[in-house]
Amino acid sequence: MFKKFMVPLTVAISLSVLGSSDAQAKTCKANIFKAPVEGRSVAKLKANAQTKSRLRWKTRMTNLHGVGWASWALAENKRQACIRSGGKWRCVAHARPCHL
C-alpha cells in the first residue's frame, strides 16, 4: 500500500518542481539599447558583421546592467541595421534587454 501511494506522489512532486522553472516570468527593460556608434561592426560578409554587432550589444548590456541582461535570445524588439559601403558591411544591433 505504501509503495502505491509513494510513486504517484513522487511523480507529482517532480512535475511541480519542473513546471515551476518554466513559469518564471521574463522581465525587460523599458528602453531599447543599441551598440554605441563607435561599436559598429565592419566585415566583408553581412553575417559576420551582424554577429559582431550582437556581440557588441551583449557587451554593452553586460557593462550597463550586468550579465543577466545580456542575452540576445531573450531580448525583445530586436533589429539590426546594416549598410554596405566600400565593399564592407556595417551593422548596429538594437534590442530591449530582458532576463529571467
N, C-alpha and C. Protein backbone atom coordinates (compact mmCIF):
# COMPACT_ATOMS: atom_id res chain seq x y z
N MET A 1 0.82 -1.19 0.00
CA MET A 1 0.00 0.00 0.00
C MET A 1 0.87 1.26 0.00
N PHE A 2 1.94 1.25 0.79
CA PHE A 2 2.81 2.41 0.89
C PHE A 2 3.47 2.73 -0.45
N LYS A 3 3.94 1.69 -1.19
CA LYS A 3 4.58 1.90 -2.48
C LYS A 3 3.60 2.47 -3.49
N LYS A 4 2.35 2.02 -3.46
CA LYS A 4 1.35 2.52 -4.40
C LYS A 4 1.10 4.01 -4.19
N PHE A 5 1.22 4.47 -2.98
CA PHE A 5 1.00 5.87 -2.66
C PHE A 5 2.22 6.73 -2.99
N MET A 6 3.42 6.21 -2.73
CA MET A 6 4.65 6.98 -2.89
C MET A 6 5.02 7.25 -4.34
N VAL A 7 4.80 6.31 -5.24
CA VAL A 7 5.16 6.51 -6.64
C VAL A 7 4.39 7.68 -7.26
N PRO A 8 3.06 7.71 -7.17
CA PRO A 8 2.35 8.87 -7.73
C PRO A 8 2.72 10.19 -7.03
N LEU A 9 2.99 10.14 -5.74
CA LEU A 9 3.38 11.34 -5.02
C LEU A 9 4.72 11.85 -5.52
N THR A 10 5.68 10.95 -5.73
CA THR A 10 6.99 11.32 -6.23
C THR A 10 6.88 11.94 -7.62
N VAL A 11 6.07 11.35 -8.48
CA VAL A 11 5.86 11.88 -9.82
C VAL A 11 5.23 13.27 -9.76
N ALA A 12 4.25 13.45 -8.91
CA ALA A 12 3.57 14.74 -8.78
C ALA A 12 4.54 15.82 -8.29
N ILE A 13 5.37 15.49 -7.31
CA ILE A 13 6.35 16.45 -6.80
C ILE A 13 7.35 16.80 -7.89
N SER A 14 7.84 15.82 -8.63
CA SER A 14 8.80 16.06 -9.71
C SER A 14 8.21 16.97 -10.76
N LEU A 15 6.99 16.74 -11.15
CA LEU A 15 6.36 17.58 -12.17
C LEU A 15 6.15 19.00 -11.68
N SER A 16 5.80 19.17 -10.41
CA SER A 16 5.59 20.53 -9.90
C SER A 16 6.90 21.28 -9.83
N VAL A 17 8.00 20.61 -9.51
CA VAL A 17 9.31 21.27 -9.47
C VAL A 17 9.75 21.64 -10.87
N LEU A 18 9.58 20.73 -11.83
CA LEU A 18 9.95 21.02 -13.21
C LEU A 18 9.08 22.14 -13.78
N GLY A 19 7.83 22.12 -13.50
CA GLY A 19 6.92 23.13 -14.01
C GLY A 19 7.19 24.51 -13.45
N SER A 20 7.71 24.60 -12.24
CA SER A 20 7.94 25.91 -11.65
C SER A 20 9.04 26.66 -12.36
N SER A 21 10.04 25.98 -12.91
CA SER A 21 11.11 26.68 -13.61
C SER A 21 10.60 27.24 -14.94
N ASP A 22 9.62 26.59 -15.56
CA ASP A 22 9.06 27.08 -16.81
C ASP A 22 8.16 28.28 -16.57
N ALA A 23 7.68 28.45 -15.37
CA ALA A 23 6.72 29.51 -15.07
C ALA A 23 7.38 30.84 -14.73
N GLN A 24 8.71 30.89 -14.76
CA GLN A 24 9.38 32.14 -14.44
C GLN A 24 9.04 33.19 -15.50
N ALA A 25 8.73 34.37 -15.04
CA ALA A 25 8.37 35.44 -15.96
C ALA A 25 9.61 36.18 -16.43
N LYS A 26 9.58 36.58 -17.68
CA LYS A 26 10.68 37.34 -18.25
C LYS A 26 10.46 38.81 -17.91
N THR A 27 11.51 39.48 -17.47
CA THR A 27 11.46 40.90 -17.15
C THR A 27 12.31 41.64 -18.17
N CYS A 28 11.79 42.74 -18.69
CA CYS A 28 12.51 43.50 -19.71
C CYS A 28 12.68 44.96 -19.29
N LYS A 29 13.76 45.56 -19.74
CA LYS A 29 13.97 47.00 -19.53
C LYS A 29 12.98 47.75 -20.41
N ALA A 30 12.67 48.97 -20.05
CA ALA A 30 11.71 49.77 -20.80
C ALA A 30 12.30 50.30 -22.11
N ASN A 31 13.60 50.57 -22.13
CA ASN A 31 14.24 51.20 -23.28
C ASN A 31 14.90 50.20 -24.21
N ILE A 32 14.97 50.57 -25.48
CA ILE A 32 15.74 49.80 -26.46
C ILE A 32 17.14 50.38 -26.49
N PHE A 33 18.13 49.53 -26.40
CA PHE A 33 19.52 49.95 -26.41
C PHE A 33 20.18 49.49 -27.69
N LYS A 34 21.16 50.25 -28.14
CA LYS A 34 21.92 49.84 -29.31
C LYS A 34 23.40 49.86 -28.95
N ALA A 35 24.16 49.16 -29.76
CA ALA A 35 25.61 49.22 -29.59
C ALA A 35 26.02 50.64 -29.93
N PRO A 36 26.96 51.21 -29.20
CA PRO A 36 27.36 52.59 -29.48
C PRO A 36 27.91 52.74 -30.89
N VAL A 37 27.86 53.98 -31.41
CA VAL A 37 28.30 54.24 -32.78
C VAL A 37 29.71 53.74 -33.02
N GLU A 38 30.60 53.97 -32.06
CA GLU A 38 31.97 53.51 -32.25
C GLU A 38 32.07 51.99 -32.19
N GLY A 39 30.98 51.34 -31.81
CA GLY A 39 30.96 49.89 -31.76
C GLY A 39 30.41 49.25 -33.02
N ARG A 40 30.21 50.04 -34.06
CA ARG A 40 29.69 49.47 -35.31
C ARG A 40 30.63 48.39 -35.79
N SER A 41 30.06 47.33 -36.27
CA SER A 41 30.85 46.20 -36.72
C SER A 41 31.01 46.24 -38.23
N VAL A 42 32.21 46.02 -38.68
CA VAL A 42 32.51 46.05 -40.10
C VAL A 42 33.09 44.70 -40.49
N ALA A 43 32.58 44.13 -41.57
CA ALA A 43 33.09 42.85 -42.07
C ALA A 43 32.76 42.73 -43.55
N LYS A 44 33.48 41.85 -44.23
CA LYS A 44 33.23 41.64 -45.66
C LYS A 44 31.92 40.90 -45.88
N LEU A 45 31.55 40.03 -44.95
CA LEU A 45 30.29 39.29 -45.06
C LEU A 45 29.26 39.89 -44.11
N LYS A 46 28.04 40.04 -44.57
CA LYS A 46 26.97 40.61 -43.76
C LYS A 46 26.74 39.80 -42.49
N ALA A 47 26.74 38.47 -42.60
CA ALA A 47 26.50 37.61 -41.43
C ALA A 47 27.56 37.85 -40.35
N ASN A 48 28.80 38.04 -40.75
CA ASN A 48 29.87 38.31 -39.77
C ASN A 48 29.66 39.66 -39.09
N ALA A 49 29.27 40.67 -39.85
CA ALA A 49 29.02 41.99 -39.27
C ALA A 49 27.84 41.94 -38.30
N GLN A 50 26.81 41.16 -38.64
CA GLN A 50 25.65 41.03 -37.75
C GLN A 50 26.05 40.33 -36.45
N THR A 51 26.82 39.28 -36.56
CA THR A 51 27.28 38.57 -35.36
C THR A 51 28.11 39.48 -34.47
N LYS A 52 29.01 40.24 -35.07
CA LYS A 52 29.85 41.16 -34.29
C LYS A 52 29.00 42.24 -33.62
N SER A 53 27.99 42.74 -34.31
CA SER A 53 27.17 43.80 -33.71
C SER A 53 26.36 43.25 -32.53
N ARG A 54 25.88 42.00 -32.63
CA ARG A 54 25.17 41.40 -31.49
C ARG A 54 26.11 41.21 -30.30
N LEU A 55 27.34 40.81 -30.58
CA LEU A 55 28.32 40.65 -29.50
C LEU A 55 28.63 41.99 -28.84
N ARG A 56 28.70 43.05 -29.62
CA ARG A 56 28.93 44.38 -29.04
C ARG A 56 27.73 44.82 -28.21
N TRP A 57 26.52 44.50 -28.66
CA TRP A 57 25.31 44.81 -27.88
C TRP A 57 25.36 44.06 -26.55
N LYS A 58 25.71 42.77 -26.60
CA LYS A 58 25.78 41.96 -25.39
C LYS A 58 26.83 42.51 -24.42
N THR A 59 27.95 42.95 -24.94
CA THR A 59 29.00 43.55 -24.10
C THR A 59 28.49 44.83 -23.45
N ARG A 60 27.78 45.65 -24.21
CA ARG A 60 27.24 46.90 -23.66
C ARG A 60 26.21 46.62 -22.57
N MET A 61 25.34 45.63 -22.78
CA MET A 61 24.33 45.30 -21.77
C MET A 61 25.00 44.76 -20.50
N THR A 62 26.04 43.97 -20.67
CA THR A 62 26.78 43.46 -19.51
C THR A 62 27.37 44.62 -18.73
N ASN A 63 27.96 45.58 -19.42
CA ASN A 63 28.57 46.74 -18.76
C ASN A 63 27.54 47.64 -18.09
N LEU A 64 26.38 47.81 -18.73
CA LEU A 64 25.35 48.71 -18.19
C LEU A 64 24.51 48.07 -17.08
N HIS A 65 24.11 46.81 -17.29
CA HIS A 65 23.10 46.20 -16.41
C HIS A 65 23.54 44.90 -15.75
N GLY A 66 24.63 44.31 -16.19
CA GLY A 66 25.07 43.03 -15.66
C GLY A 66 24.82 41.91 -16.65
N VAL A 67 25.50 40.81 -16.43
CA VAL A 67 25.47 39.69 -17.37
C VAL A 67 24.07 39.09 -17.55
N GLY A 68 23.22 39.17 -16.56
CA GLY A 68 21.87 38.62 -16.67
C GLY A 68 21.01 39.31 -17.71
N TRP A 69 21.37 40.52 -18.11
CA TRP A 69 20.60 41.29 -19.09
C TRP A 69 21.21 41.22 -20.49
N ALA A 70 22.24 40.43 -20.68
CA ALA A 70 22.99 40.45 -21.94
C ALA A 70 22.63 39.31 -22.90
N SER A 71 21.47 38.73 -22.77
CA SER A 71 21.08 37.63 -23.66
C SER A 71 20.33 38.16 -24.88
N TRP A 72 20.94 38.00 -26.04
CA TRP A 72 20.29 38.41 -27.29
C TRP A 72 19.05 37.55 -27.53
N ALA A 73 19.12 36.27 -27.15
CA ALA A 73 17.99 35.36 -27.36
C ALA A 73 16.76 35.79 -26.56
N LEU A 74 16.95 36.32 -25.36
CA LEU A 74 15.83 36.75 -24.52
C LEU A 74 15.37 38.17 -24.84
N ALA A 75 16.19 38.95 -25.51
CA ALA A 75 15.87 40.35 -25.79
C ALA A 75 14.62 40.47 -26.65
N GLU A 76 13.95 41.61 -26.54
CA GLU A 76 12.76 41.88 -27.35
C GLU A 76 13.01 43.10 -28.22
N ASN A 77 12.13 43.30 -29.19
CA ASN A 77 12.24 44.42 -30.13
C ASN A 77 13.61 44.43 -30.81
N LYS A 78 14.09 43.25 -31.18
CA LYS A 78 15.42 43.13 -31.78
C LYS A 78 15.39 43.56 -33.24
N ARG A 79 16.44 44.26 -33.63
CA ARG A 79 16.65 44.54 -35.05
C ARG A 79 18.11 44.87 -35.25
N GLN A 80 18.54 44.69 -36.46
CA GLN A 80 19.90 45.04 -36.81
C GLN A 80 19.85 45.88 -38.07
N ALA A 81 20.49 47.03 -38.03
CA ALA A 81 20.57 47.91 -39.18
C ALA A 81 21.93 47.71 -39.83
N CYS A 82 21.92 47.35 -41.10
CA CYS A 82 23.16 47.10 -41.82
C CYS A 82 23.18 47.88 -43.13
N ILE A 83 24.34 48.40 -43.47
CA ILE A 83 24.55 49.04 -44.77
C ILE A 83 25.86 48.52 -45.35
N ARG A 84 25.92 48.51 -46.66
CA ARG A 84 27.13 48.09 -47.34
C ARG A 84 27.80 49.32 -47.89
N SER A 85 29.08 49.47 -47.57
CA SER A 85 29.84 50.64 -48.01
C SER A 85 31.28 50.23 -48.27
N GLY A 86 31.77 50.56 -49.44
CA GLY A 86 33.16 50.26 -49.76
C GLY A 86 33.49 48.78 -49.72
N GLY A 87 32.53 47.94 -50.08
CA GLY A 87 32.76 46.50 -50.10
C GLY A 87 32.69 45.83 -48.73
N LYS A 88 32.30 46.59 -47.70
CA LYS A 88 32.19 46.02 -46.36
C LYS A 88 30.81 46.33 -45.79
N TRP A 89 30.36 45.45 -44.90
CA TRP A 89 29.08 45.63 -44.21
C TRP A 89 29.31 46.29 -42.86
N ARG A 90 28.45 47.23 -42.53
CA ARG A 90 28.46 47.90 -41.23
C ARG A 90 27.09 47.65 -40.60
N CYS A 91 27.09 47.07 -39.39
CA CYS A 91 25.84 46.74 -38.72
C CYS A 91 25.82 47.28 -37.29
N VAL A 92 24.63 47.63 -36.84
CA VAL A 92 24.39 48.05 -35.46
C VAL A 92 23.20 47.25 -34.94
N ALA A 93 23.35 46.65 -33.77
CA ALA A 93 22.27 45.88 -33.16
C ALA A 93 21.48 46.75 -32.18
N HIS A 94 20.16 46.62 -32.23
CA HIS A 94 19.24 47.33 -31.33
C HIS A 94 18.34 46.30 -30.67
N ALA A 95 18.12 46.41 -29.37
CA ALA A 95 17.20 45.49 -28.69
C ALA A 95 16.89 46.00 -27.29
N ARG A 96 15.78 45.51 -26.77
CA ARG A 96 15.38 45.79 -25.38
C ARG A 96 15.82 44.59 -24.54
N PRO A 97 16.77 44.78 -23.62
CA PRO A 97 17.28 43.65 -22.83
C PRO A 97 16.25 43.09 -21.87
N CYS A 98 16.28 41.76 -21.74
CA CYS A 98 15.39 41.03 -20.83
C CYS A 98 16.19 39.96 -20.09
N HIS A 99 15.64 39.50 -18.98
CA HIS A 99 16.23 38.37 -18.27
C HIS A 99 15.12 37.58 -17.58
N LEU A 100 15.48 36.37 -17.20
CA LEU A 100 14.52 35.52 -16.47
C LEU A 100 14.66 35.73 -15.01
